[in-house]
C-alpha atoms as a PDB file:
ATOM      1  CA  MET A   1       0.000   0.000   0.000  1.00  0.00           C
ATOM      2  CA  ASN A   2       1.518   3.231  -1.178  1.00  0.00           C
ATOM      3  CA  ASP A   3       1.808   5.132   2.130  1.00  0.00           C
ATOM      4  CA  GLU A   4      -1.833   4.372   2.841  1.00  0.00           C
ATOM      5  CA  ILE A   5      -1.447   5.245   6.515  1.00  0.00           C
ATOM      6  CA  ALA A   6      -0.207   8.774   5.732  1.00  0.00           C
ATOM      7  CA  ASN A   7      -3.149   9.238   3.372  1.00  0.00           C
ATOM      8  CA  ILE A   8      -5.576   8.085   6.076  1.00  0.00           C
ATOM      9  CA  LEU A   9      -4.054  10.399   8.690  1.00  0.00           C
ATOM     10  CA  LYS A  10      -4.029  13.439   6.407  1.00  0.00           C
ATOM     11  CA  GLY A  11      -7.408  12.773   4.825  1.00  0.00           C
ATOM     12  CA  TYR A  12      -9.677  11.450   7.536  1.00  0.00           C
ATOM     13  CA  LEU A  13      -8.354  12.031  11.044  1.00  0.00           C
ATOM     14  CA  SER A  14     -10.452  14.685  12.761  1.00  0.00           C
ATOM     15  CA  ILE A  15      -7.999  17.248  14.142  1.00  0.00           C
ATOM     16  CA  LYS A  16      -9.356  20.492  15.585  1.00  0.00           C
ATOM     17  CA  ASP A  17      -5.995  21.771  16.837  1.00  0.00           C
ATOM     18  CA  LYS A  18      -3.940  23.667  14.235  1.00  0.00           C
ATOM     19  CA  MET A  19      -0.665  22.809  15.992  1.00  0.00           C
ATOM     20  CA  LEU A  20      -1.445  19.069  15.824  1.00  0.00           C
ATOM     21  CA  GLU A  21      -2.384  19.347  12.169  1.00  0.00           C
ATOM     22  CA  GLU A  22       0.936  21.058  11.430  1.00  0.00           C
ATOM     23  CA  LEU A  23       2.747  18.367  13.443  1.00  0.00           C
ATOM     24  CA  LEU A  24       1.076  15.645  11.379  1.00  0.00           C
ATOM     25  CA  HIS A  25       2.182  17.192   8.094  1.00  0.00           C
ATOM     26  CA  GLU A  26       5.686  17.722   9.478  1.00  0.00           C
ATOM     27  CA  VAL A  27       5.909  14.073  10.591  1.00  0.00           C
ATOM     28  CA  VAL A  28       4.689  12.754   7.233  1.00  0.00           C
ATOM     29  CA  GLU A  29       7.252  14.933   5.468  1.00  0.00           C
ATOM     30  CA  MET A  30      10.035  13.886   7.850  1.00  0.00           C
ATOM     31  CA  CYS A  31       9.238  10.192   7.339  1.00  0.00           C
ATOM     32  CA  LYS A  32      10.133  10.394   3.663  1.00  0.00           C
ATOM     33  CA  SER A  33      13.738   9.615   4.637  1.00  0.00           C
ATOM     34  CA  VAL A  34      15.330   7.206   7.108  1.00  0.00           C
ATOM     35  CA  LYS A  35      17.075   9.989   9.033  1.00  0.00           C
ATOM     36  CA  GLY A  36      13.862  12.024   9.077  1.00  0.00           C
ATOM     37  CA  THR A  37      11.894   9.047  10.375  1.00  0.00           C
ATOM     38  CA  GLU A  38      14.362   8.620  13.209  1.00  0.00           C
ATOM     39  CA  GLU A  39      14.045  12.335  14.038  1.00  0.00           C
ATOM     40  CA  ALA A  40      10.237  12.126  13.912  1.00  0.00           C
ATOM     41  CA  ILE A  41      10.242   9.230  16.380  1.00  0.00           C
ATOM     42  CA  VAL A  42      12.440  11.123  18.855  1.00  0.00           C
ATOM     43  CA  LYS A  43      10.347  14.281  18.469  1.00  0.00           C
ATOM     44  CA  LEU A  44       7.040  12.462  18.976  1.00  0.00           C
ATOM     45  CA  GLU A  45       8.274  10.526  22.001  1.00  0.00           C
ATOM     46  CA  SER A  46       9.357  13.814  23.539  1.00  0.00           C
ATOM     47  CA  LYS A  47       5.985  15.436  22.783  1.00  0.00           C
ATOM     48  CA  ILE A  48       4.120  12.499  24.322  1.00  0.00           C
ATOM     49  CA  GLU A  49       6.193  12.839  27.476  1.00  0.00           C
ATOM     50  CA  ASN A  50       5.618  16.605  27.625  1.00  0.00           C
ATOM     51  CA  TYR A  51       1.893  16.427  26.823  1.00  0.00           C
ATOM     52  CA  SER A  52       1.338  13.637  29.357  1.00  0.00           C
ATOM     53  CA  SER A  53       2.594  15.827  32.184  1.00  0.00           C
ATOM     54  CA  GLY A  54      -0.093  18.516  31.907  1.00  0.00           C
ATOM     55  CA  LEU A  55      -3.860  18.121  32.045  1.00  0.00           C
ATOM     56  CA  GLU A  56      -4.461  20.932  29.550  1.00  0.00           C
ATOM     57  CA  LEU A  57      -2.389  19.103  26.907  1.00  0.00           C
ATOM     58  CA  LEU A  58      -3.509  15.539  27.622  1.00  0.00           C
ATOM     59  CA  ASP A  59      -5.997  15.514  24.734  1.00  0.00           C
ATOM     60  CA  LYS A  60      -3.065  15.770  22.272  1.00  0.00           C
ATOM     61  CA  VAL A  61      -1.457  12.517  23.464  1.00  0.00           C
ATOM     62  CA  PRO A  62      -3.574  10.022  21.432  1.00  0.00           C
ATOM     63  CA  TYR A  63      -2.839  11.968  18.253  1.00  0.00           C
ATOM     64  CA  CYS A  64       0.885  11.873  18.978  1.00  0.00           C
ATOM     65  CA  HIS A  65       0.655   8.128  19.645  1.00  0.00           C
ATOM     66  CA  LEU A  66      -1.039   7.658  16.269  1.00  0.00           C
ATOM     67  CA  PHE A  67       1.595   9.792  14.511  1.00  0.00           C
ATOM     68  CA  LEU A  68       4.273   7.775  16.327  1.00  0.00           C
ATOM     69  CA  SER A  69       2.589   4.578  15.147  1.00  0.00           C
ATOM     70  CA  TYR A  70       2.950   5.855  11.581  1.00  0.00           C
ATOM     71  CA  SER A  71       6.608   6.776  12.164  1.00  0.00           C
ATOM     72  CA  GLN A  72       7.364   3.369  13.681  1.00  0.00           C
ATOM     73  CA  HIS A  73       5.622   1.744  10.710  1.00  0.00           C
ATOM     74  CA  LYS A  74       7.851   3.723   8.339  1.00  0.00           C
ATOM     75  CA  TRP A  75      10.816   2.593  10.490  1.00  0.00           C
ATOM     76  CA  ASN A  76       9.675  -1.021   9.850  1.00  0.00           C
ATOM     77  CA  ASN A  77       9.036  -1.622  13.538  1.00  0.00           C
ATOM     78  CA  SER A  78       5.622  -3.313  13.370  1.00  0.00           C
ATOM     79  CA  ALA A  79       5.506  -4.347  17.026  1.00  0.00           C
ATOM     80  CA  HIS A  80       6.089  -0.805  18.273  1.00  0.00           C
ATOM     81  CA  SER A  81       3.767   0.622  15.619  1.00  0.00           C
ATOM     82  CA  ILE A  82       0.996  -1.669  16.874  1.00  0.00           C
ATOM     83  CA  LYS A  83       1.724  -0.689  20.493  1.00  0.00           C
ATOM     84  CA  CYS A  84       1.536   3.018  19.641  1.00  0.00           C
ATOM     85  CA  ALA A  85      -1.721   2.523  17.715  1.00  0.00           C
ATOM     86  CA  SER A  86      -3.097   0.628  20.727  1.00  0.00           C
ATOM     87  CA  ASP A  87      -2.138   3.553  22.982  1.00  0.00           C
ATOM     88  CA  ALA A  88      -3.916   5.928  20.577  1.00  0.00           C
ATOM     89  CA  ILE A  89      -6.990   3.680  20.629  1.00  0.00           C
ATOM     90  CA  GLU A  90      -7.050   3.800  24.410  1.00  0.00           C
ATOM     91  CA  GLY A  91      -6.778   7.605  24.389  1.00  0.00           C
ATOM     92  CA  PHE A  92      -9.527   8.081  21.810  1.00  0.00           C
ATOM     93  CA  GLU A  93     -11.776   5.649  23.738  1.00  0.00           C
ATOM     94  CA  GLN A  94     -11.305   7.697  26.916  1.00  0.00           C
ATOM     95  CA  ARG A  95     -12.280  10.872  25.068  1.00  0.00           C
ATOM     96  CA  TYR A  96     -15.133   9.163  23.191  1.00  0.00           C
ATOM     97  CA  GLU A  97     -13.783  10.320  19.823  1.00  0.00           C
ATOM     98  CA  ILE A  98     -15.514   7.660  17.731  1.00  0.00           C
ATOM     99  CA  ARG A  99     -14.311   8.761  14.293  1.00  0.00           C
ATOM    100  CA  ASN A 100     -10.674   8.962  15.378  1.00  0.00           C
ATOM    101  CA  LEU A 101     -11.058   5.699  17.277  1.00  0.00           C
ATOM    102  CA  ALA A 102     -12.274   4.013  14.081  1.00  0.00           C
ATOM    103  CA  ILE A 103      -9.315   5.443  12.173  1.00  0.00           C
ATOM    104  CA  ALA A 104      -6.870   4.199  14.821  1.00  0.00           C
ATOM    105  CA  PHE A 105      -8.351   0.685  14.535  1.00  0.00           C
ATOM    106  CA  TRP A 106      -8.120   0.944  10.736  1.00  0.00           C
ATOM    107  CA  ILE A 107      -4.451   1.932  10.895  1.00  0.00           C
ATOM    108  CA  ARG A 108      -3.643  -0.826  13.367  1.00  0.00           C
ATOM    109  CA  ALA A 109      -5.434  -3.305  11.069  1.00  0.00           C
ATOM    110  CA  LEU A 110      -3.184  -2.242   8.191  1.00  0.00           C
ATOM    111  CA  VAL A 111      -0.055  -2.728  10.295  1.00  0.00           C
ATOM    112  CA  TYR A 112      -1.298  -6.122  11.469  1.00  0.00           C
ATOM    113  CA  TRP A 113      -2.033  -7.101   7.878  1.00  0.00           C
ATOM    114  CA  GLU A 114       1.395  -6.036   6.630  1.00  0.00           C
ATOM    115  CA  SER A 115       3.012  -8.049   9.424  1.00  0.00           C
ATOM    116  CA  ALA A 116       0.897 -11.124   8.508  1.00  0.00           C
ATOM    117  CA  HIS A 117      -1.358 -11.126  11.591  1.00  0.00           C
ATOM    118  CA  MET A 118      -4.590 -11.727   9.688  1.00  0.00           C
ATOM    119  CA  ASP A 119      -6.862 -12.577  12.629  1.00  0.00           C
ATOM    120  CA  GLU A 120      -5.951  -9.334  14.397  1.00  0.00           C
ATOM    121  CA  ALA A 121      -6.256  -7.364  11.142  1.00  0.00           C
ATOM    122  CA  ARG A 122      -9.731  -8.824  10.551  1.00  0.00           C
ATOM    123  CA  GLN A 123     -10.851  -7.987  14.113  1.00  0.00           C
ATOM    124  CA  ASP A 124      -9.579  -4.412  13.865  1.00  0.00           C
ATOM    125  CA  ILE A 125     -11.006  -3.722  10.412  1.00  0.00           C
ATOM    126  CA  ASN A 126     -14.396  -5.016  11.571  1.00  0.00           C
ATOM    127  CA  LYS A 127     -14.187  -2.821  14.678  1.00  0.00           C
ATOM    128  CA  ALA A 128     -13.310   0.192  12.495  1.00  0.00           C
ATOM    129  CA  ILE A 129     -16.342  -0.506  10.303  1.00  0.00           C
ATOM    130  CA  GLU A 130     -18.610  -0.894  13.333  1.00  0.00           C
ATOM    131  CA  LEU A 131     -17.385   2.387  14.840  1.00  0.00           C
ATOM    132  CA  ILE A 132     -17.633   4.422  11.641  1.00  0.00           C
ATOM    133  CA  LYS A 133     -21.165   3.095  11.106  1.00  0.00           C
ATOM    134  CA  GLN A 134     -21.962   4.206  14.665  1.00  0.00           C
ATOM    135  CA  GLU A 135     -20.542   7.658  13.929  1.00  0.00           C
ATOM    136  CA  THR A 136     -22.577   7.832  10.711  1.00  0.00           C
ATOM    137  CA  GLY A 137     -25.752   7.019  12.639  1.00  0.00           C
ATOM    138  CA  ASP A 138     -24.950   9.583  15.328  1.00  0.00           C
ATOM    139  CA  ASN A 139     -24.399  12.251  12.676  1.00  0.00           C
ATOM    140  CA  LYS A 140     -27.683  11.385  10.954  1.00  0.00           C
ATOM    141  CA  ARG A 141     -29.586  11.633  14.245  1.00  0.00           C
ATOM    142  CA  THR A 142     -28.077  15.047  14.981  1.00  0.00           C
ATOM    143  CA  SER A 143     -28.560  16.308  11.401  1.00  0.00           C
ATOM    144  CA  HIS A 144     -24.831  16.699  10.733  1.00  0.00           C
ATOM    145  CA  TYR A 145     -25.165  15.579   7.136  1.00  0.00           C
ATOM    146  CA  GLU A 146     -21.739  16.788   5.983  1.00  0.00           C
ATOM    147  CA  LYS A 147     -20.066  14.733   8.721  1.00  0.00           C
ATOM    148  CA  CYS A 148     -22.305  11.824   7.756  1.00  0.00           C
ATOM    149  CA  GLU A 149     -21.084  12.029   4.149  1.00  0.00           C
ATOM    150  CA  ASP A 150     -17.465  12.101   5.376  1.00  0.00           C
ATOM    151  CA  CYS A 151     -18.110   8.959   7.421  1.00  0.00           C
ATOM    152  CA  GLU A 152     -19.639   7.212   4.418  1.00  0.00           C
ATOM    153  CA  ILE A 153     -16.508   8.037   2.386  1.00  0.00           C
ATOM    154  CA  ILE A 154     -14.339   6.684   5.206  1.00  0.00           C
ATOM    155  CA  LEU A 155     -16.462   3.537   5.348  1.00  0.00           C
ATOM    156  CA  GLU A 156     -15.990   2.944   1.627  1.00  0.00           C
ATOM    157  CA  ARG A 157     -12.201   3.336   1.998  1.00  0.00           C
ATOM    158  CA  ILE A 158     -12.094   0.936   4.948  1.00  0.00           C
ATOM    159  CA  ILE A 159     -14.082  -1.618   2.978  1.00  0.00           C
ATOM    160  CA  SER A 160     -11.753  -1.171   0.003  1.00  0.00           C
ATOM    161  CA  ASP A 161      -8.715  -1.806   2.223  1.00  0.00           C
ATOM    162  CA  ALA A 162     -10.436  -4.818   3.766  1.00  0.00           C
ATOM    163  CA  GLN A 163     -11.004  -6.245   0.307  1.00  0.00           C
ATOM    164  CA  GLN A 164      -7.332  -5.670  -0.572  1.00  0.00           C
ATOM    165  CA  MET A 165      -6.451  -7.608   2.579  1.00  0.00           C
ATOM    166  CA  GLY A 166      -8.693 -10.434   1.425  1.00  0.00           C
ATOM    167  CA  ILE A 167     -11.142  -9.854   4.269  1.00  0.00           C
ATOM    168  CA  ASN A 168     -14.720 -10.590   3.302  1.00  0.00           C
ATOM    169  CA  ILE A 169     -17.030  -7.872   4.580  1.00  0.00           C
ATOM    170  CA  PRO A 170     -20.780  -8.566   4.655  1.00  0.00           C
ATOM    171  CA  ASP A 171     -22.990  -6.207   2.667  1.00  0.00           C
ATOM    172  CA  ILE A 172     -22.623  -3.047   4.769  1.00  0.00           C
ATOM    173  CA  HIS A 173     -25.366  -1.077   3.051  1.00  0.00           C
ATOM    174  CA  LYS A 174     -28.040  -3.630   3.965  1.00  0.00           C
ATOM    175  CA  SER A 175     -27.146  -3.416   7.645  1.00  0.00           C
ATOM    176  CA  GLN A 176     -27.063   0.398   7.517  1.00  0.00           C
ATOM    177  CA  SER A 177     -30.531   0.717   5.988  1.00  0.00           C
ATOM    178  CA  THR A 178     -32.155  -1.541   8.604  1.00  0.00           C
ATOM    179  CA  HIS A 179     -31.186   0.677  11.571  1.00  0.00           C
END
């Protein structure tokens, strides 16, 4: 997959903080070289440590874990990439950020898949689908139709990746229309 994780992070992660958005683009740019990837890892680990020490910055930590997961993936360290994605998942769960939680599961599924852990990849991709469907339903109920359309685009991309992984996904649209 041609830097699929960077495309997911830049295209679908919901980031409301301008500084975090700039950090994401900086990390993706840095990870285009081996030396840059190493620098990105050090920088992100430092940010996680700094952000973890203050309550007002704690909400930035899951994003940094997800960016670090990407950097570790680029460094070809699947085990640490999975650990960082798991830490991001935990942080997004605590903050009830469903869309970002779904994206973190999606990214972890891709890393699992690339490291030949198909059962884990299947579980995570199914969890990502379940969560993004939940977010779609929540947005429909609250009349946030633009966000609903974004979630439907994300769902289609997740399904496409699942199919590339060889994971059979039941007909999603049938289950959506029955709720």
